[in-house]
């Protein structure tokens, strides 16, 4: 389960397929670029997540309004 609720921000949800979302924990949550969409993919097996590093977290969002943390995505699809 993802610990944030970005459902009100349409820019974080792809219209088709899947998207990689970056959360920059160094920025204030009210900042426009606190969370951004990095890339979109049609096929989940083509999606590659960046490695989590201090201050940055990555999530996957689907066009069906589902979301996964890096860890939960890797459990399903591997590295």
PDB file of N, CA and C in Angstrom:
ATOM      1  N   UNK A   1       0.834  -1.174   0.000  1.00  0.00           N
ATOM      2  CA  UNK A   1       0.000   0.000   0.000  1.00  0.00           C
ATOM      3  C   UNK A   1       0.885   1.245   0.000  1.00  0.00           C
ATOM      4  N   UNK A   2       0.589   2.173  -0.848  1.00  0.00           N
ATOM      5  CA  UNK A   2       1.357   3.402  -0.947  1.00  0.00           C
ATOM      6  C   UNK A   2       0.937   4.349   0.172  1.00  0.00           C
ATOM      7  N   UNK A   3       1.910   5.055   0.761  1.00  0.00           N
ATOM      8  CA  UNK A   3       1.672   5.872   1.944  1.00  0.00           C
ATOM      9  C   UNK A   3       1.279   7.323   1.638  1.00  0.00           C
ATOM     10  N   UNK A   4       1.002   7.647   0.422  1.00  0.00           N
ATOM     11  CA  UNK A   4       0.603   9.001   0.065  1.00  0.00           C
ATOM     12  C   UNK A   4      -0.645   8.905  -0.795  1.00  0.00           C
ATOM     13  N   UNK A   5      -1.308  10.020  -1.012  1.00  0.00           N
ATOM     14  CA  UNK A   5      -2.534   9.977  -1.805  1.00  0.00           C
ATOM     15  C   UNK A   5      -2.493  11.036  -2.902  1.00  0.00           C
ATOM     16  N   UNK A   6      -1.902  10.707  -4.059  1.00  0.00           N
ATOM     17  CA  UNK A   6      -1.787  11.668  -5.152  1.00  0.00           C
ATOM     18  C   UNK A   6      -2.953  11.619  -6.134  1.00  0.00           C
ATOM     19  N   UNK A   7      -4.052  10.991  -5.760  1.00  0.00           N
ATOM     20  CA  UNK A   7      -5.144  10.771  -6.714  1.00  0.00           C
ATOM     21  C   UNK A   7      -5.758  12.063  -7.255  1.00  0.00           C
ATOM     22  N   UNK A   8      -5.595  13.159  -6.538  1.00  0.00           N
ATOM     23  CA  UNK A   8      -6.148  14.431  -7.014  1.00  0.00           C
ATOM     24  C   UNK A   8      -5.290  15.097  -8.085  1.00  0.00           C
ATOM     25  N   UNK A   9      -4.064  14.613  -8.279  1.00  0.00           N
ATOM     26  CA  UNK A   9      -3.148  15.219  -9.244  1.00  0.00           C
ATOM     27  C   UNK A   9      -3.113  14.377 -10.519  1.00  0.00           C
ATOM     28  N   UNK A  10      -3.867  14.794 -11.519  1.00  0.00           N
ATOM     29  CA  UNK A  10      -3.978  14.031 -12.765  1.00  0.00           C
ATOM     30  C   UNK A  10      -2.649  13.873 -13.487  1.00  0.00           C
ATOM     31  N   UNK A  11      -1.703  14.778 -13.261  1.00  0.00           N
ATOM     32  CA  UNK A  11      -0.413  14.696 -13.948  1.00  0.00           C
ATOM     33  C   UNK A  11       0.418  13.501 -13.496  1.00  0.00           C
ATOM     34  N   UNK A  12       0.016  12.858 -12.401  1.00  0.00           N
ATOM     35  CA  UNK A  12       0.760  11.706 -11.889  1.00  0.00           C
ATOM     36  C   UNK A  12       0.172  10.371 -12.331  1.00  0.00           C
ATOM     37  N   UNK A  13      -0.842  10.415 -13.183  1.00  0.00           N
ATOM     38  CA  UNK A  13      -1.512   9.191 -13.612  1.00  0.00           C
ATOM     39  C   UNK A  13      -1.522   9.113 -15.136  1.00  0.00           C
ATOM     40  N   UNK A  14      -1.009   8.021 -15.706  1.00  0.00           N
ATOM     41  CA  UNK A  14      -1.009   7.900 -17.167  1.00  0.00           C
ATOM     42  C   UNK A  14      -2.423   7.649 -17.688  1.00  0.00           C
ATOM     43  N   UNK A  15      -2.667   8.044 -18.917  1.00  0.00           N
ATOM     44  CA  UNK A  15      -3.970   7.761 -19.521  1.00  0.00           C
ATOM     45  C   UNK A  15      -4.023   6.331 -20.028  1.00  0.00           C
ATOM     46  N   UNK A  16      -2.848   5.757 -20.309  1.00  0.00           N
ATOM     47  CA  UNK A  16      -2.736   4.354 -20.724  1.00  0.00           C
ATOM     48  C   UNK A  16      -1.489   3.763 -20.087  1.00  0.00           C
ATOM     49  N   UNK A  17      -1.514   2.477 -19.803  1.00  0.00           N
ATOM     50  CA  UNK A  17      -0.325   1.791 -19.321  1.00  0.00           C
ATOM     51  C   UNK A  17       0.088   2.177 -17.917  1.00  0.00           C
ATOM     52  N   UNK A  18       1.403   2.384 -17.761  1.00  0.00           N
ATOM     53  CA  UNK A  18       2.018   2.590 -16.452  1.00  0.00           C
ATOM     54  C   UNK A  18       2.953   3.788 -16.500  1.00  0.00           C
ATOM     55  N   UNK A  19       3.202   4.381 -15.342  1.00  0.00           N
ATOM     56  CA  UNK A  19       4.123   5.514 -15.249  1.00  0.00           C
ATOM     57  C   UNK A  19       5.022   5.347 -14.032  1.00  0.00           C
ATOM     58  N   UNK A  20       6.268   5.790 -14.177  1.00  0.00           N
ATOM     59  CA  UNK A  20       7.203   5.847 -13.059  1.00  0.00           C
ATOM     60  C   UNK A  20       7.117   7.253 -12.472  1.00  0.00           C
ATOM     61  N   UNK A  21       6.888   7.313 -11.167  1.00  0.00           N
ATOM     62  CA  UNK A  21       6.726   8.574 -10.450  1.00  0.00           C
ATOM     63  C   UNK A  21       7.887   8.748  -9.476  1.00  0.00           C
ATOM     64  N   UNK A  22       8.463   9.943  -9.449  1.00  0.00           N
ATOM     65  CA  UNK A  22       9.540  10.255  -8.512  1.00  0.00           C
ATOM     66  C   UNK A  22       9.022  11.228  -7.461  1.00  0.00           C
ATOM     67  N   UNK A  23       9.308  10.907  -6.191  1.00  0.00           N
ATOM     68  CA  UNK A  23       8.985  11.808  -5.093  1.00  0.00           C
ATOM     69  C   UNK A  23      10.304  12.324  -4.520  1.00  0.00           C
ATOM     70  N   UNK A  24      10.474  13.634  -4.537  1.00  0.00           N
ATOM     71  CA  UNK A  24      11.681  14.289  -4.040  1.00  0.00           C
ATOM     72  C   UNK A  24      11.419  14.753  -2.608  1.00  0.00           C
ATOM     73  N   UNK A  25      11.921  13.992  -1.647  1.00  0.00           N
ATOM     74  CA  UNK A  25      11.666  14.284  -0.239  1.00  0.00           C
ATOM     75  C   UNK A  25      12.413  15.517   0.263  1.00  0.00           C
ATOM     76  N   UNK A  26      13.314  16.072  -0.557  1.00  0.00           N
ATOM     77  CA  UNK A  26      14.010  17.299  -0.177  1.00  0.00           C
ATOM     78  C   UNK A  26      13.131  18.527  -0.414  1.00  0.00           C
ATOM     79  N   UNK A  27      12.077  18.353  -1.189  1.00  0.00           N
ATOM     80  CA  UNK A  27      11.181  19.465  -1.505  1.00  0.00           C
ATOM     81  C   UNK A  27       9.940  19.403  -0.620  1.00  0.00           C
ATOM     82  N   UNK A  28       9.357  20.543  -0.397  1.00  0.00           N
ATOM     83  CA  UNK A  28       8.145  20.620   0.414  1.00  0.00           C
ATOM     84  C   UNK A  28       6.994  19.963  -0.353  1.00  0.00           C
ATOM     85  N   UNK A  29       6.123  19.216   0.326  1.00  0.00           N
ATOM     86  CA  UNK A  29       4.998  18.557  -0.362  1.00  0.00           C
ATOM     87  C   UNK A  29       4.093  19.504  -1.145  1.00  0.00           C
ATOM     88  N   UNK A  30       4.083  20.771  -0.808  1.00  0.00           N
ATOM     89  CA  UNK A  30       3.259  21.712  -1.569  1.00  0.00           C
ATOM     90  C   UNK A  30       3.956  22.214  -2.834  1.00  0.00           C
ATOM     91  N   UNK A  31       5.213  21.855  -3.006  1.00  0.00           N
ATOM     92  CA  UNK A  31       5.966  22.267  -4.190  1.00  0.00           C
ATOM     93  C   UNK A  31       5.416  21.574  -5.434  1.00  0.00           C
ATOM     94  N   UNK A  32       5.371  22.294  -6.552  1.00  0.00           N
ATOM     95  CA  UNK A  32       4.842  21.725  -7.798  1.00  0.00           C
ATOM     96  C   UNK A  32       5.612  20.503  -8.274  1.00  0.00           C
ATOM     97  N   UNK A  33       6.906  20.447  -7.962  1.00  0.00           N
ATOM     98  CA  UNK A  33       7.700  19.311  -8.432  1.00  0.00           C
ATOM     99  C   UNK A  33       8.113  18.364  -7.304  1.00  0.00           C
ATOM    100  N   UNK A  34       7.324  18.333  -6.235  1.00  0.00           N
ATOM    101  CA  UNK A  34       7.539  17.355  -5.161  1.00  0.00           C
ATOM    102  C   UNK A  34       7.413  15.942  -5.722  1.00  0.00           C
ATOM    103  N   UNK A  35       6.429  15.730  -6.592  1.00  0.00           N
ATOM    104  CA  UNK A  35       6.246  14.449  -7.280  1.00  0.00           C
ATOM    105  C   UNK A  35       6.095  14.740  -8.768  1.00  0.00           C
ATOM    106  N   UNK A  36       6.834  13.977  -9.589  1.00  0.00           N
ATOM    107  CA  UNK A  36       6.750  14.159 -11.036  1.00  0.00           C
ATOM    108  C   UNK A  36       6.704  12.807 -11.733  1.00  0.00           C
ATOM    109  N   UNK A  37       6.134  12.792 -12.930  1.00  0.00           N
ATOM    110  CA  UNK A  37       6.126  11.592 -13.757  1.00  0.00           C
ATOM    111  C   UNK A  37       7.420  11.584 -14.565  1.00  0.00           C
ATOM    112  N   UNK A  38       8.201  10.501 -14.427  1.00  0.00           N
ATOM    113  CA  UNK A  38       9.468  10.398 -15.147  1.00  0.00           C
ATOM    114  C   UNK A  38       9.310   9.764 -16.519  1.00  0.00           C
ATOM    115  N   UNK A  39       8.475   8.721 -16.610  1.00  0.00           N
ATOM    116  CA  UNK A  39       8.342   7.985 -17.870  1.00  0.00           C
ATOM    117  C   UNK A  39       7.044   7.202 -17.877  1.00  0.00           C
ATOM    118  N   UNK A  40       6.593   6.846 -19.086  1.00  0.00           N
ATOM    119  CA  UNK A  40       5.398   6.019 -19.251  1.00  0.00           C
ATOM    120  C   UNK A  40       5.752   4.783 -20.067  1.00  0.00           C
ATOM    121  N   UNK A  41       5.065   3.681 -19.772  1.00  0.00           N
ATOM    122  CA  UNK A  41       5.282   2.411 -20.452  1.00  0.00           C
ATOM    123  C   UNK A  41       3.939   1.758 -20.722  1.00  0.00           C
ATOM    124  N   UNK A  42       3.814   1.112 -21.874  1.00  0.00           N
ATOM    125  CA  UNK A  42       2.595   0.366 -22.184  1.00  0.00           C
ATOM    126  C   UNK A  42       2.607  -1.005 -21.529  1.00  0.00           C
ATOM    127  N   UNK A  43       3.781  -1.633 -21.514  1.00  0.00           N
ATOM    128  CA  UNK A  43       3.932  -3.005 -21.025  1.00  0.00           C
ATOM    129  C   UNK A  43       4.675  -2.980 -19.689  1.00  0.00           C
ATOM    130  N   UNK A  44       4.105  -3.550 -18.639  1.00  0.00           N
ATOM    131  CA  UNK A  44       4.771  -3.504 -17.334  1.00  0.00           C
ATOM    132  C   UNK A  44       6.119  -4.218 -17.315  1.00  0.00           C
ATOM    133  N   UNK A  45       6.336  -5.178 -18.209  1.00  0.00           N
ATOM    134  CA  UNK A  45       7.623  -5.874 -18.231  1.00  0.00           C
ATOM    135  C   UNK A  45       8.729  -5.005 -18.823  1.00  0.00           C
ATOM    136  N   UNK A  46       8.386  -3.916 -19.495  1.00  0.00           N
ATOM    137  CA  UNK A  46       9.381  -2.998 -20.057  1.00  0.00           C
ATOM    138  C   UNK A  46       9.783  -1.916 -19.062  1.00  0.00           C
ATOM    139  N   UNK A  47       9.058  -1.796 -17.983  1.00  0.00           N
ATOM    140  CA  UNK A  47       9.267  -0.733 -17.011  1.00  0.00           C
ATOM    141  C   UNK A  47      10.484  -1.022 -16.141  1.00  0.00           C
ATOM    142  N   UNK A  48      11.364  -0.048 -16.013  1.00  0.00           N
ATOM    143  CA  UNK A  48      12.535  -0.151 -15.148  1.00  0.00           C
ATOM    144  C   UNK A  48      12.477   0.973 -14.130  1.00  0.00           C
ATOM    145  N   UNK A  49      12.546   0.604 -12.875  1.00  0.00           N
ATOM    146  CA  UNK A  49      12.509   1.604 -11.803  1.00  0.00           C
ATOM    147  C   UNK A  49      13.918   2.035 -11.427  1.00  0.00           C
ATOM    148  N   UNK A  50      14.136   3.328 -11.181  1.00  0.00           N
ATOM    149  CA  UNK A  50      15.425   3.766 -10.648  1.00  0.00           C
ATOM    150  C   UNK A  50      15.621   3.181  -9.249  1.00  0.00           C
ATOM    151  N   UNK A  51      16.855   3.105  -8.824  1.00  0.00           N
ATOM    152  CA  UNK A  51      17.169   2.609  -7.484  1.00  0.00           C
ATOM    153  C   UNK A  51      16.812   3.697  -6.476  1.00  0.00           C
ATOM    154  N   UNK A  52      16.119   3.318  -5.399  1.00  0.00           N
ATOM    155  CA  UNK A  52      15.821   4.286  -4.339  1.00  0.00           C
ATOM    156  C   UNK A  52      17.125   4.810  -3.770  1.00  0.00           C
ATOM    157  N   UNK A  53      17.174   6.110  -3.529  1.00  0.00           N
ATOM    158  CA  UNK A  53      18.339   6.717  -2.898  1.00  0.00           C
ATOM    159  C   UNK A  53      17.847   7.727  -1.870  1.00  0.00           C
ATOM    160  N   UNK A  54      18.741   8.169  -1.020  1.00  0.00           N
ATOM    161  CA  UNK A  54      18.366   9.081   0.054  1.00  0.00           C
ATOM    162  C   UNK A  54      17.641  10.294  -0.523  1.00  0.00           C
ATOM    163  N   UNK A  55      16.451  10.535  -0.009  1.00  0.00           N
ATOM    164  CA  UNK A  55      15.683  11.703  -0.403  1.00  0.00           C
ATOM    165  C   UNK A  55      14.783  11.518  -1.607  1.00  0.00           C
ATOM    166  N   UNK A  56      14.878  10.378  -2.276  1.00  0.00           N
ATOM    167  CA  UNK A  56      14.055  10.131  -3.457  1.00  0.00           C
ATOM    168  C   UNK A  56      13.380   8.774  -3.336  1.00  0.00           C
ATOM    169  N   UNK A  57      12.108   8.725  -3.685  1.00  0.00           N
ATOM    170  CA  UNK A  57      11.346   7.479  -3.702  1.00  0.00           C
ATOM    171  C   UNK A  57      10.675   7.371  -5.057  1.00  0.00           C
ATOM    172  N   UNK A  58      10.480   6.134  -5.485  1.00  0.00           N
ATOM    173  CA  UNK A  58       9.874   5.894  -6.793  1.00  0.00           C
ATOM    174  C   UNK A  58       8.657   4.995  -6.644  1.00  0.00           C
ATOM    175  N   UNK A  59       7.657   5.277  -7.447  1.00  0.00           N
ATOM    176  CA  UNK A  59       6.399   4.545  -7.436  1.00  0.00           C
ATOM    177  C   UNK A  59       5.996   4.243  -8.867  1.00  0.00           C
ATOM    178  N   UNK A  60       5.091   3.288  -9.003  1.00  0.00           N
ATOM    179  CA  UNK A  60       4.487   3.002 -10.302  1.00  0.00           C
ATOM    180  C   UNK A  60       3.000   3.289 -10.176  1.00  0.00           C
ATOM    181  N   UNK A  61       2.470   4.020 -11.142  1.00  0.00           N
ATOM    182  CA  UNK A  61       1.033   4.289 -11.221  1.00  0.00           C
ATOM    183  C   UNK A  61       0.506   3.709 -12.516  1.00  0.00           C
ATOM    184  N   UNK A  62      -0.713   3.213 -12.470  1.00  0.00           N
ATOM    185  CA  UNK A  62      -1.335   2.672 -13.679  1.00  0.00           C
ATOM    186  C   UNK A  62      -2.499   3.555 -14.113  1.00  0.00           C
ATOM    187  N   UNK A  63      -2.905   3.366 -15.356  1.00  0.00           N
ATOM    188  CA  UNK A  63      -4.062   4.095 -15.882  1.00  0.00           C
ATOM    189  C   UNK A  63      -5.337   3.697 -15.139  1.00  0.00           C
ATOM    190  N   UNK A  64      -5.317   2.547 -14.457  1.00  0.00           N
ATOM    191  CA  UNK A  64      -6.459   2.074 -13.674  1.00  0.00           C
ATOM    192  C   UNK A  64      -6.455   2.627 -12.248  1.00  0.00           C
ATOM    193  N   UNK A  65      -5.590   3.633 -12.000  1.00  0.00           N
ATOM    194  CA  UNK A  65      -5.489   4.295 -10.686  1.00  0.00           C
ATOM    195  C   UNK A  65      -4.984   3.357  -9.591  1.00  0.00           C
ATOM    196  N   UNK A  66      -4.138   2.410  -9.962  1.00  0.00           N
ATOM    197  CA  UNK A  66      -3.464   1.563  -8.986  1.00  0.00           C
ATOM    198  C   UNK A  66      -2.066   2.127  -8.785  1.00  0.00           C
ATOM    199  N   UNK A  67      -1.480   1.888  -7.607  1.00  0.00           N
ATOM    200  CA  UNK A  67      -0.119   2.347  -7.364  1.00  0.00           C
ATOM    201  C   UNK A  67       0.655   1.308  -6.566  1.00  0.00           C
ATOM    202  N   UNK A  68       1.969   1.291  -6.804  1.00  0.00           N
ATOM    203  CA  UNK A  68       2.872   0.352  -6.159  1.00  0.00           C
ATOM    204  C   UNK A  68       4.122   1.085  -5.705  1.00  0.00           C
ATOM    205  N   UNK A  69       4.660   0.673  -4.567  1.00  0.00           N
ATOM    206  CA  UNK A  69       5.975   1.140  -4.152  1.00  0.00           C
ATOM    207  C   UNK A  69       7.005   0.378  -4.967  1.00  0.00           C
ATOM    208  N   UNK A  70       8.252   0.825  -4.917  1.00  0.00           N
ATOM    209  CA  UNK A  70       9.328   0.104  -5.603  1.00  0.00           C
ATOM    210  C   UNK A  70       9.373  -1.340  -5.123  1.00  0.00           C
ATOM    211  N   UNK A  71       9.282  -1.533  -3.822  1.00  0.00           N
ATOM    212  CA  UNK A  71       9.393  -2.873  -3.253  1.00  0.00           C
ATOM    213  C   UNK A  71       8.252  -3.778  -3.708  1.00  0.00           C
ATOM    214  N   UNK A  72       7.030  -3.275  -3.672  1.00  0.00           N
ATOM    215  CA  UNK A  72       5.899  -4.121  -4.063  1.00  0.00           C
ATOM    216  C   UNK A  72       5.925  -4.410  -5.563  1.00  0.00           C
ATOM    217  N   UNK A  73       6.384  -3.450  -6.383  1.00  0.00           N
ATOM    218  CA  UNK A  73       6.494  -3.678  -7.827  1.00  0.00           C
ATOM    219  C   UNK A  73       7.524  -4.777  -8.110  1.00  0.00           C
ATOM    220  N   UNK A  74       8.671  -4.725  -7.418  1.00  0.00           N
ATOM    221  CA  UNK A  74       9.723  -5.716  -7.631  1.00  0.00           C
ATOM    222  C   UNK A  74       9.297  -7.103  -7.172  1.00  0.00           C
ATOM    223  N   UNK A  75       8.446  -7.192  -6.157  1.00  0.00           N
ATOM    224  CA  UNK A  75       7.921  -8.494  -5.741  1.00  0.00           C
ATOM    225  C   UNK A  75       7.107  -9.131  -6.858  1.00  0.00           C
ATOM    226  N   UNK A  76       6.389  -8.321  -7.612  1.00  0.00           N
ATOM    227  CA  UNK A  76       5.537  -8.827  -8.687  1.00  0.00           C
ATOM    228  C   UNK A  76       6.328  -9.077  -9.965  1.00  0.00           C
ATOM    229  N   UNK A  77       7.140  -8.094 -10.378  1.00  0.00           N
ATOM    230  CA  UNK A  77       7.797  -8.144 -11.688  1.00  0.00           C
ATOM    231  C   UNK A  77       9.301  -8.361 -11.632  1.00  0.00           C
ATOM    232  N   UNK A  78       9.873  -8.453 -10.440  1.00  0.00           N
ATOM    233  CA  UNK A  78      11.320  -8.641 -10.333  1.00  0.00           C
ATOM    234  C   UNK A  78      12.045  -7.323 -10.490  1.00  0.00           C
ATOM    235  N   UNK A  79      13.359  -7.424 -10.580  1.00  0.00           N
ATOM    236  CA  UNK A  79      14.193  -6.207 -10.660  1.00  0.00           C
ATOM    237  C   UNK A  79      13.944  -5.510 -11.934  1.00  0.00           C
TER     238      UNK A  79
END
